[in-house]
Amino acid sequence: MSHRQSSGFTLIECIAVLAVLVVLMSVCIPGITNWIHRNELATTESELERIIAESNRLAIHSGVKQLVAFNPQSRRLTIKPMNDSRNESKRPMDAPEMMSFRFSSSVQIQFVSSQTQEIISGLTLSPDGTISPGRIRISHSSGMNSLWKTHRQTGSIRPSNNL
């Protein structure tokens, strides 16, 4: 009687390997998804910090107040000169009329008044290098949030411990 040697895997071996892969994926995917969400939030925070710094530089350089506002429908953060007829004569020729930055659809940005705690349209950066008092709430669709506060004297924003 001769036994034939077969090469390859049996059905039981294939099912066992698939079962191990399913278990590994069920453990890893939530961690990877969480990491992606944290990364999107951190990217938004650093981009917002950069935009506020650029707005501050632009206000000082141009001598014109700048408004930083977020439009939730278009997912755009815009920097534009404040509408003030007295500012038009001060505005340098090379100063841009408006700059716009697009954010991820999973991120929401809200500006909150320090005095009333109500949502406001944006923050104002002045030519003297100051910023209007307020807080910035950054929310991710996954439920992750961060809160930033303005630092009036330096015209910058900083993370806040209070959510």
N, C-alpha and C. Protein backbone atom coordinates (compact mmCIF):
# COMPACT_ATOMS: atom_id res chain seq x y z
N MET A 1 0.83 -1.15 0.00
CA MET A 1 0.00 0.00 0.00
C MET A 1 0.89 1.24 0.00
N SER A 2 0.63 2.09 -0.89
CA SER A 2 1.47 3.30 -0.98
C SER A 2 0.64 4.51 -0.53
N HIS A 3 1.30 5.36 0.24
CA HIS A 3 0.67 6.61 0.66
C HIS A 3 1.17 7.73 -0.23
N ARG A 4 0.23 8.44 -0.70
CA ARG A 4 0.60 9.54 -1.58
C ARG A 4 0.86 10.77 -0.73
N GLN A 5 1.97 11.43 -0.95
CA GLN A 5 2.29 12.67 -0.25
C GLN A 5 1.64 13.81 -1.00
N SER A 6 0.94 14.65 -0.26
CA SER A 6 0.32 15.79 -0.92
C SER A 6 0.99 17.06 -0.45
N SER A 7 1.05 18.01 -1.33
CA SER A 7 1.60 19.31 -0.95
C SER A 7 0.45 20.29 -0.85
N GLY A 8 0.60 21.28 0.01
CA GLY A 8 -0.46 22.27 0.18
C GLY A 8 -1.03 22.22 1.58
N PHE A 9 -2.07 22.97 1.79
CA PHE A 9 -2.68 23.08 3.10
C PHE A 9 -4.05 22.44 3.08
N THR A 10 -4.41 21.92 4.24
CA THR A 10 -5.74 21.35 4.35
C THR A 10 -6.75 22.46 4.63
N LEU A 11 -8.00 22.15 4.45
CA LEU A 11 -9.06 23.12 4.70
C LEU A 11 -9.05 23.56 6.16
N ILE A 12 -8.79 22.65 7.07
CA ILE A 12 -8.75 22.96 8.51
C ILE A 12 -7.63 23.96 8.80
N GLU A 13 -6.46 23.78 8.20
CA GLU A 13 -5.33 24.70 8.42
C GLU A 13 -5.67 26.11 7.90
N CYS A 14 -6.30 26.18 6.73
CA CYS A 14 -6.69 27.48 6.16
C CYS A 14 -7.69 28.19 7.06
N ILE A 15 -8.66 27.47 7.57
CA ILE A 15 -9.67 28.07 8.46
C ILE A 15 -9.02 28.55 9.75
N ALA A 16 -8.08 27.79 10.28
CA ALA A 16 -7.39 28.18 11.52
C ALA A 16 -6.59 29.47 11.31
N VAL A 17 -5.90 29.58 10.18
CA VAL A 17 -5.13 30.80 9.88
C VAL A 17 -6.07 31.98 9.73
N LEU A 18 -7.19 31.80 9.04
CA LEU A 18 -8.16 32.88 8.88
C LEU A 18 -8.73 33.31 10.23
N ALA A 19 -8.99 32.37 11.10
CA ALA A 19 -9.53 32.69 12.43
C ALA A 19 -8.52 33.53 13.22
N VAL A 20 -7.25 33.18 13.15
CA VAL A 20 -6.21 33.95 13.84
C VAL A 20 -6.13 35.37 13.26
N LEU A 21 -6.20 35.49 11.94
CA LEU A 21 -6.16 36.81 11.30
C LEU A 21 -7.36 37.67 11.71
N VAL A 22 -8.53 37.08 11.79
CA VAL A 22 -9.73 37.83 12.19
C VAL A 22 -9.58 38.35 13.62
N VAL A 23 -9.06 37.52 14.50
CA VAL A 23 -8.86 37.93 15.89
C VAL A 23 -7.84 39.07 15.96
N LEU A 24 -6.74 38.95 15.23
CA LEU A 24 -5.73 40.02 15.22
C LEU A 24 -6.29 41.33 14.67
N MET A 25 -7.07 41.25 13.62
CA MET A 25 -7.65 42.46 13.03
C MET A 25 -8.64 43.10 13.99
N SER A 26 -9.44 42.30 14.68
CA SER A 26 -10.42 42.87 15.60
C SER A 26 -9.75 43.58 16.77
N VAL A 27 -8.54 43.18 17.11
CA VAL A 27 -7.79 43.82 18.18
C VAL A 27 -7.08 45.07 17.65
N CYS A 28 -6.53 45.02 16.47
CA CYS A 28 -5.70 46.10 15.93
C CYS A 28 -6.49 47.26 15.32
N ILE A 29 -7.57 47.00 14.65
CA ILE A 29 -8.28 48.05 13.91
C ILE A 29 -8.77 49.18 14.81
N PRO A 30 -9.37 48.93 15.98
CA PRO A 30 -9.78 50.06 16.83
C PRO A 30 -8.59 50.94 17.25
N GLY A 31 -7.46 50.33 17.54
CA GLY A 31 -6.27 51.10 17.92
C GLY A 31 -5.76 51.94 16.77
N ILE A 32 -5.77 51.40 15.57
CA ILE A 32 -5.32 52.14 14.40
C ILE A 32 -6.28 53.30 14.11
N THR A 33 -7.57 53.04 14.20
CA THR A 33 -8.57 54.08 13.97
C THR A 33 -8.42 55.20 14.98
N ASN A 34 -8.22 54.85 16.25
CA ASN A 34 -8.03 55.84 17.30
C ASN A 34 -6.78 56.68 17.02
N TRP A 35 -5.71 56.05 16.58
CA TRP A 35 -4.47 56.75 16.24
C TRP A 35 -4.71 57.73 15.09
N ILE A 36 -5.47 57.31 14.08
CA ILE A 36 -5.77 58.18 12.93
C ILE A 36 -6.56 59.41 13.41
N HIS A 37 -7.54 59.22 14.26
CA HIS A 37 -8.35 60.33 14.77
C HIS A 37 -7.51 61.29 15.60
N ARG A 38 -6.64 60.74 16.48
CA ARG A 38 -5.75 61.59 17.27
C ARG A 38 -4.82 62.38 16.36
N ASN A 39 -4.33 61.75 15.30
CA ASN A 39 -3.43 62.40 14.36
C ASN A 39 -4.14 63.54 13.62
N GLU A 40 -5.40 63.32 13.20
CA GLU A 40 -6.17 64.38 12.53
C GLU A 40 -6.39 65.57 13.47
N LEU A 41 -6.68 65.29 14.73
CA LEU A 41 -6.89 66.36 15.70
C LEU A 41 -5.58 67.13 15.94
N ALA A 42 -4.48 66.42 16.09
CA ALA A 42 -3.17 67.08 16.31
C ALA A 42 -2.76 67.90 15.09
N THR A 43 -3.03 67.40 13.90
CA THR A 43 -2.72 68.14 12.67
C THR A 43 -3.53 69.43 12.62
N THR A 44 -4.81 69.35 12.96
CA THR A 44 -5.67 70.54 12.99
C THR A 44 -5.15 71.55 14.00
N GLU A 45 -4.76 71.07 15.18
CA GLU A 45 -4.25 71.97 16.22
C GLU A 45 -2.99 72.70 15.75
N SER A 46 -2.05 71.97 15.18
CA SER A 46 -0.81 72.63 14.75
C SER A 46 -1.06 73.56 13.56
N GLU A 47 -1.97 73.20 12.67
CA GLU A 47 -2.31 74.06 11.54
C GLU A 47 -3.00 75.33 12.03
N LEU A 48 -3.89 75.20 13.00
CA LEU A 48 -4.57 76.36 13.56
C LEU A 48 -3.57 77.29 14.26
N GLU A 49 -2.64 76.71 14.99
CA GLU A 49 -1.59 77.51 15.64
C GLU A 49 -0.80 78.30 14.59
N ARG A 50 -0.46 77.65 13.50
CA ARG A 50 0.30 78.29 12.42
C ARG A 50 -0.52 79.41 11.78
N ILE A 51 -1.80 79.18 11.57
CA ILE A 51 -2.66 80.18 10.93
C ILE A 51 -2.82 81.41 11.84
N ILE A 52 -2.99 81.18 13.14
CA ILE A 52 -3.10 82.31 14.07
C ILE A 52 -1.80 83.11 14.07
N ALA A 53 -0.66 82.43 14.08
CA ALA A 53 0.64 83.13 14.05
C ALA A 53 0.79 83.93 12.76
N GLU A 54 0.38 83.35 11.64
CA GLU A 54 0.46 84.05 10.35
C GLU A 54 -0.48 85.25 10.34
N SER A 55 -1.66 85.12 10.91
CA SER A 55 -2.61 86.22 10.99
C SER A 55 -2.06 87.36 11.84
N ASN A 56 -1.41 86.99 12.94
CA ASN A 56 -0.81 87.98 13.82
C ASN A 56 0.29 88.75 13.08
N ARG A 57 1.13 88.00 12.36
CA ARG A 57 2.21 88.62 11.59
C ARG A 57 1.62 89.54 10.52
N LEU A 58 0.57 89.10 9.87
CA LEU A 58 -0.07 89.89 8.82
C LEU A 58 -0.69 91.17 9.39
N ALA A 59 -1.33 91.08 10.55
CA ALA A 59 -1.93 92.27 11.18
C ALA A 59 -0.85 93.29 11.55
N ILE A 60 0.26 92.81 12.11
CA ILE A 60 1.35 93.71 12.50
C ILE A 60 1.97 94.34 11.26
N HIS A 61 2.25 93.52 10.25
CA HIS A 61 2.92 93.98 9.03
C HIS A 61 2.05 94.97 8.25
N SER A 62 0.75 94.67 8.14
CA SER A 62 -0.13 95.50 7.32
C SER A 62 -0.71 96.69 8.08
N GLY A 63 -0.70 96.61 9.41
CA GLY A 63 -1.31 97.67 10.19
C GLY A 63 -2.82 97.61 10.18
N VAL A 64 -3.37 96.49 9.76
CA VAL A 64 -4.83 96.32 9.64
C VAL A 64 -5.27 95.12 10.48
N LYS A 65 -6.36 95.30 11.24
CA LYS A 65 -6.90 94.18 12.02
C LYS A 65 -7.27 93.04 11.07
N GLN A 66 -7.04 91.81 11.53
CA GLN A 66 -7.38 90.62 10.74
C GLN A 66 -8.41 89.80 11.50
N LEU A 67 -9.38 89.26 10.78
CA LEU A 67 -10.40 88.39 11.36
C LEU A 67 -10.10 86.96 10.92
N VAL A 68 -10.03 86.05 11.89
CA VAL A 68 -9.88 84.63 11.61
C VAL A 68 -11.23 83.99 11.93
N ALA A 69 -11.88 83.41 10.91
CA ALA A 69 -13.22 82.84 11.09
C ALA A 69 -13.30 81.46 10.45
N PHE A 70 -14.12 80.58 11.05
CA PHE A 70 -14.32 79.23 10.53
C PHE A 70 -15.73 79.11 10.00
N ASN A 71 -15.86 78.59 8.78
CA ASN A 71 -17.17 78.36 8.18
C ASN A 71 -17.44 76.85 8.22
N PRO A 72 -18.39 76.38 9.06
CA PRO A 72 -18.61 74.95 9.19
C PRO A 72 -19.14 74.28 7.93
N GLN A 73 -19.86 75.01 7.09
CA GLN A 73 -20.39 74.41 5.87
C GLN A 73 -19.28 74.11 4.86
N SER A 74 -18.38 75.05 4.66
CA SER A 74 -17.32 74.85 3.67
C SER A 74 -16.07 74.21 4.27
N ARG A 75 -16.03 74.07 5.61
CA ARG A 75 -14.87 73.52 6.33
C ARG A 75 -13.64 74.40 6.13
N ARG A 76 -13.84 75.69 5.92
CA ARG A 76 -12.74 76.60 5.65
C ARG A 76 -12.54 77.59 6.81
N LEU A 77 -11.27 77.81 7.10
CA LEU A 77 -10.86 78.85 8.04
C LEU A 77 -10.32 79.97 7.18
N THR A 78 -10.84 81.18 7.35
CA THR A 78 -10.39 82.30 6.53
C THR A 78 -9.74 83.37 7.38
N ILE A 79 -8.78 84.04 6.77
CA ILE A 79 -8.14 85.21 7.36
C ILE A 79 -8.46 86.35 6.42
N LYS A 80 -9.10 87.38 6.95
CA LYS A 80 -9.41 88.51 6.09
C LYS A 80 -9.30 89.81 6.87
N PRO A 81 -8.96 90.90 6.17
CA PRO A 81 -8.88 92.19 6.85
C PRO A 81 -10.25 92.61 7.36
N MET A 82 -10.29 93.26 8.51
CA MET A 82 -11.55 93.74 9.06
C MET A 82 -12.09 94.85 8.17
N ASN A 83 -13.38 94.87 7.97
CA ASN A 83 -14.02 95.91 7.15
C ASN A 83 -14.08 97.20 7.93
N ASP A 84 -13.12 98.05 7.66
CA ASP A 84 -13.06 99.35 8.32
C ASP A 84 -12.48 100.33 7.31
N SER A 85 -13.25 101.31 6.93
CA SER A 85 -12.80 102.24 5.88
C SER A 85 -11.53 102.97 6.28
N ARG A 86 -11.29 103.14 7.58
CA ARG A 86 -10.06 103.81 8.01
C ARG A 86 -8.83 102.96 7.72
N ASN A 87 -9.01 101.63 7.63
CA ASN A 87 -7.88 100.73 7.39
C ASN A 87 -7.43 100.70 5.94
N GLU A 88 -8.29 101.03 5.01
CA GLU A 88 -7.96 100.90 3.58
C GLU A 88 -6.72 101.69 3.20
N SER A 89 -6.57 102.89 3.76
CA SER A 89 -5.40 103.69 3.40
C SER A 89 -4.12 103.13 3.99
N LYS A 90 -4.22 102.37 5.09
CA LYS A 90 -3.05 101.79 5.74
C LYS A 90 -2.60 100.49 5.07
N ARG A 91 -3.50 99.81 4.42
CA ARG A 91 -3.23 98.48 3.90
C ARG A 91 -2.19 98.51 2.79
N PRO A 92 -1.05 97.79 2.94
CA PRO A 92 -0.05 97.75 1.89
C PRO A 92 -0.60 97.09 0.63
N MET A 93 -0.06 97.46 -0.50
CA MET A 93 -0.52 96.93 -1.79
C MET A 93 -0.36 95.41 -1.86
N ASP A 94 0.69 94.87 -1.23
CA ASP A 94 0.95 93.43 -1.33
C ASP A 94 0.18 92.61 -0.31
N ALA A 95 -0.62 93.25 0.56
CA ALA A 95 -1.38 92.50 1.56
C ALA A 95 -2.53 91.76 0.88
N PRO A 96 -2.67 90.45 1.14
CA PRO A 96 -3.74 89.70 0.49
C PRO A 96 -5.12 90.13 0.98
N GLU A 97 -6.10 90.04 0.11
CA GLU A 97 -7.48 90.39 0.45
C GLU A 97 -8.06 89.36 1.42
N MET A 98 -7.78 88.07 1.18
CA MET A 98 -8.30 87.02 2.03
C MET A 98 -7.49 85.74 1.79
N MET A 99 -7.21 84.99 2.85
CA MET A 99 -6.58 83.69 2.72
C MET A 99 -7.54 82.66 3.29
N SER A 100 -7.52 81.46 2.73
CA SER A 100 -8.46 80.44 3.15
C SER A 100 -7.75 79.10 3.28
N PHE A 101 -8.12 78.33 4.30
CA PHE A 101 -7.53 77.02 4.56
C PHE A 101 -8.65 76.03 4.78
N ARG A 102 -8.56 74.86 4.15
CA ARG A 102 -9.60 73.83 4.26
C ARG A 102 -9.18 72.77 5.27
N PHE A 103 -10.13 72.35 6.10
CA PHE A 103 -9.88 71.33 7.11
C PHE A 103 -10.65 70.06 6.80
N SER A 104 -10.26 68.98 7.45
CA SER A 104 -10.89 67.68 7.30
C SER A 104 -12.38 67.76 7.63
N SER A 105 -13.17 66.96 6.94
CA SER A 105 -14.61 66.96 7.18
C SER A 105 -14.96 66.37 8.55
N SER A 106 -14.01 65.72 9.19
CA SER A 106 -14.28 65.13 10.51
C SER A 106 -13.95 66.08 11.65
N VAL A 107 -13.51 67.31 11.33
CA VAL A 107 -13.10 68.27 12.35
C VAL A 107 -14.04 69.46 12.35
N GLN A 108 -14.40 69.92 13.54
CA GLN A 108 -15.24 71.10 13.73
C GLN A 108 -14.47 72.08 14.61
N ILE A 109 -14.45 73.35 14.23
CA ILE A 109 -13.77 74.39 15.01
C ILE A 109 -14.82 75.41 15.43
N GLN A 110 -14.80 75.78 16.72
CA GLN A 110 -15.71 76.81 17.22
C GLN A 110 -14.91 77.82 18.03
N PHE A 111 -15.21 79.09 17.80
CA PHE A 111 -14.63 80.16 18.60
C PHE A 111 -15.65 80.54 19.65
N VAL A 112 -15.21 80.64 20.90
CA VAL A 112 -16.11 80.90 22.02
C VAL A 112 -15.64 82.16 22.75
N SER A 113 -16.57 83.06 23.02
CA SER A 113 -16.27 84.30 23.74
C SER A 113 -15.87 83.99 25.17
N SER A 114 -14.83 84.66 25.66
CA SER A 114 -14.41 84.47 27.06
C SER A 114 -15.42 85.08 28.03
N GLN A 115 -16.06 86.18 27.60
CA GLN A 115 -16.99 86.86 28.50
C GLN A 115 -18.33 86.15 28.58
N THR A 116 -18.94 85.82 27.44
CA THR A 116 -20.31 85.30 27.43
C THR A 116 -20.40 83.78 27.28
N GLN A 117 -19.30 83.14 26.92
CA GLN A 117 -19.24 81.70 26.67
C GLN A 117 -20.10 81.29 25.47
N GLU A 118 -20.48 82.26 24.63
CA GLU A 118 -21.27 81.98 23.44
C GLU A 118 -20.34 81.80 22.24
N ILE A 119 -20.82 81.07 21.25
CA ILE A 119 -20.04 80.87 20.03
C ILE A 119 -20.01 82.19 19.26
N ILE A 120 -18.81 82.59 18.83
CA ILE A 120 -18.64 83.83 18.08
C ILE A 120 -18.12 83.51 16.68
N SER A 121 -18.19 84.49 15.78
CA SER A 121 -17.84 84.24 14.38
C SER A 121 -16.34 84.06 14.17
N GLY A 122 -15.52 84.64 15.02
CA GLY A 122 -14.08 84.51 14.82
C GLY A 122 -13.29 85.29 15.85
N LEU A 123 -11.99 85.34 15.63
CA LEU A 123 -11.08 86.05 16.51
C LEU A 123 -10.44 87.20 15.74
N THR A 124 -10.18 88.30 16.44
CA THR A 124 -9.58 89.46 15.81
C THR A 124 -8.14 89.60 16.28
N LEU A 125 -7.25 89.79 15.31
CA LEU A 125 -5.85 90.05 15.61
C LEU A 125 -5.55 91.49 15.23
N SER A 126 -4.98 92.24 16.16
CA SER A 126 -4.77 93.68 15.99
C SER A 126 -3.34 94.00 15.57
N PRO A 127 -3.15 95.17 14.95
CA PRO A 127 -1.81 95.58 14.53
C PRO A 127 -0.81 95.74 15.68
N ASP A 128 -1.32 95.89 16.91
CA ASP A 128 -0.39 95.99 18.05
C ASP A 128 0.07 94.61 18.54
N GLY A 129 -0.34 93.54 17.84
CA GLY A 129 0.12 92.19 18.16
C GLY A 129 -0.76 91.45 19.15
N THR A 130 -1.91 92.00 19.50
CA THR A 130 -2.80 91.33 20.45
C THR A 130 -3.90 90.59 19.72
N ILE A 131 -4.57 89.70 20.46
CA ILE A 131 -5.67 88.91 19.91
C ILE A 131 -6.88 89.08 20.81
N SER A 132 -8.07 89.01 20.24
CA SER A 132 -9.28 89.14 21.06
C SER A 132 -9.37 87.97 22.02
N PRO A 133 -9.88 88.22 23.25
CA PRO A 133 -9.96 87.12 24.22
C PRO A 133 -10.99 86.09 23.79
N GLY A 134 -10.65 84.84 23.97
CA GLY A 134 -11.59 83.80 23.61
C GLY A 134 -10.98 82.42 23.75
N ARG A 135 -11.78 81.44 23.44
CA ARG A 135 -11.35 80.04 23.46
C ARG A 135 -11.68 79.43 22.10
N ILE A 136 -10.93 78.41 21.77
CA ILE A 136 -11.16 77.70 20.52
C ILE A 136 -11.41 76.24 20.87
N ARG A 137 -12.57 75.74 20.47
CA ARG A 137 -12.92 74.34 20.72
C ARG A 137 -12.77 73.58 19.41
N ILE A 138 -11.91 72.57 19.43
CA ILE A 138 -11.69 71.73 18.25
C ILE A 138 -12.29 70.36 18.57
N SER A 139 -13.25 69.94 17.75
CA SER A 139 -13.94 68.67 17.98
C SER A 139 -13.74 67.76 16.78
N HIS A 140 -13.52 66.49 17.07
CA HIS A 140 -13.41 65.48 16.02
C HIS A 140 -14.68 64.65 16.04
N SER A 141 -15.10 64.18 14.89
CA SER A 141 -16.34 63.40 14.80
C SER A 141 -16.29 62.12 15.65
N SER A 142 -15.11 61.68 16.02
CA SER A 142 -14.96 60.48 16.85
C SER A 142 -15.28 60.76 18.32
N GLY A 143 -15.44 62.06 18.67
CA GLY A 143 -15.72 62.41 20.06
C GLY A 143 -14.52 63.01 20.77
N MET A 144 -13.35 63.00 20.14
CA MET A 144 -12.17 63.62 20.74
C MET A 144 -12.28 65.14 20.62
N ASN A 145 -11.86 65.85 21.66
CA ASN A 145 -11.93 67.30 21.68
C ASN A 145 -10.66 67.89 22.25
N SER A 146 -10.40 69.14 21.91
CA SER A 146 -9.35 69.88 22.59
C SER A 146 -9.82 71.32 22.71
N LEU A 147 -9.34 71.99 23.75
CA LEU A 147 -9.72 73.37 24.00
C LEU A 147 -8.46 74.21 24.05
N TRP A 148 -8.49 75.33 23.35
CA TRP A 148 -7.36 76.26 23.30
C TRP A 148 -7.84 77.61 23.78
N LYS A 149 -6.96 78.38 24.35
CA LYS A 149 -7.33 79.74 24.76
C LYS A 149 -6.36 80.72 24.12
N THR A 150 -6.87 81.93 23.90
CA THR A 150 -6.03 82.96 23.31
C THR A 150 -5.15 83.57 24.40
N HIS A 151 -3.96 83.96 24.01
CA HIS A 151 -3.06 84.66 24.90
C HIS A 151 -2.96 86.08 24.36
N ARG A 152 -3.73 86.96 24.97
CA ARG A 152 -3.94 88.32 24.44
C ARG A 152 -2.64 89.06 24.14
N GLN A 153 -1.70 89.07 25.07
CA GLN A 153 -0.49 89.88 24.92
C GLN A 153 0.41 89.44 23.77
N THR A 154 0.47 88.13 23.52
CA THR A 154 1.37 87.64 22.47
C THR A 154 0.66 87.39 21.15
N GLY A 155 -0.67 87.49 21.14
CA GLY A 155 -1.42 87.25 19.91
C GLY A 155 -1.36 85.80 19.47
N SER A 156 -1.22 84.89 20.44
CA SER A 156 -1.09 83.46 20.11
C SER A 156 -2.18 82.66 20.82
N ILE A 157 -2.20 81.37 20.57
CA ILE A 157 -3.13 80.47 21.25
C ILE A 157 -2.32 79.41 21.98
N ARG A 158 -2.91 78.90 23.07
CA ARG A 158 -2.26 77.87 23.87
C ARG A 158 -3.29 76.82 24.28
N PRO A 159 -2.84 75.58 24.46
CA PRO A 159 -3.78 74.54 24.93
C PRO A 159 -4.31 74.91 26.31
N SER A 160 -5.56 74.58 26.56
CA SER A 160 -6.18 74.81 27.86
C SER A 160 -6.48 73.45 28.48
N ASN A 161 -6.36 73.36 29.78
CA ASN A 161 -6.62 72.09 30.47
C ASN A 161 -8.10 71.85 30.69
N ASN A 162 -8.92 72.90 30.59
CA ASN A 162 -10.34 72.78 30.87
C ASN A 162 -11.11 72.40 29.61
N LEU A 163 -11.82 71.29 29.63
CA LEU A 163 -12.73 70.93 28.54
C LEU A 163 -14.08 71.09 29.07
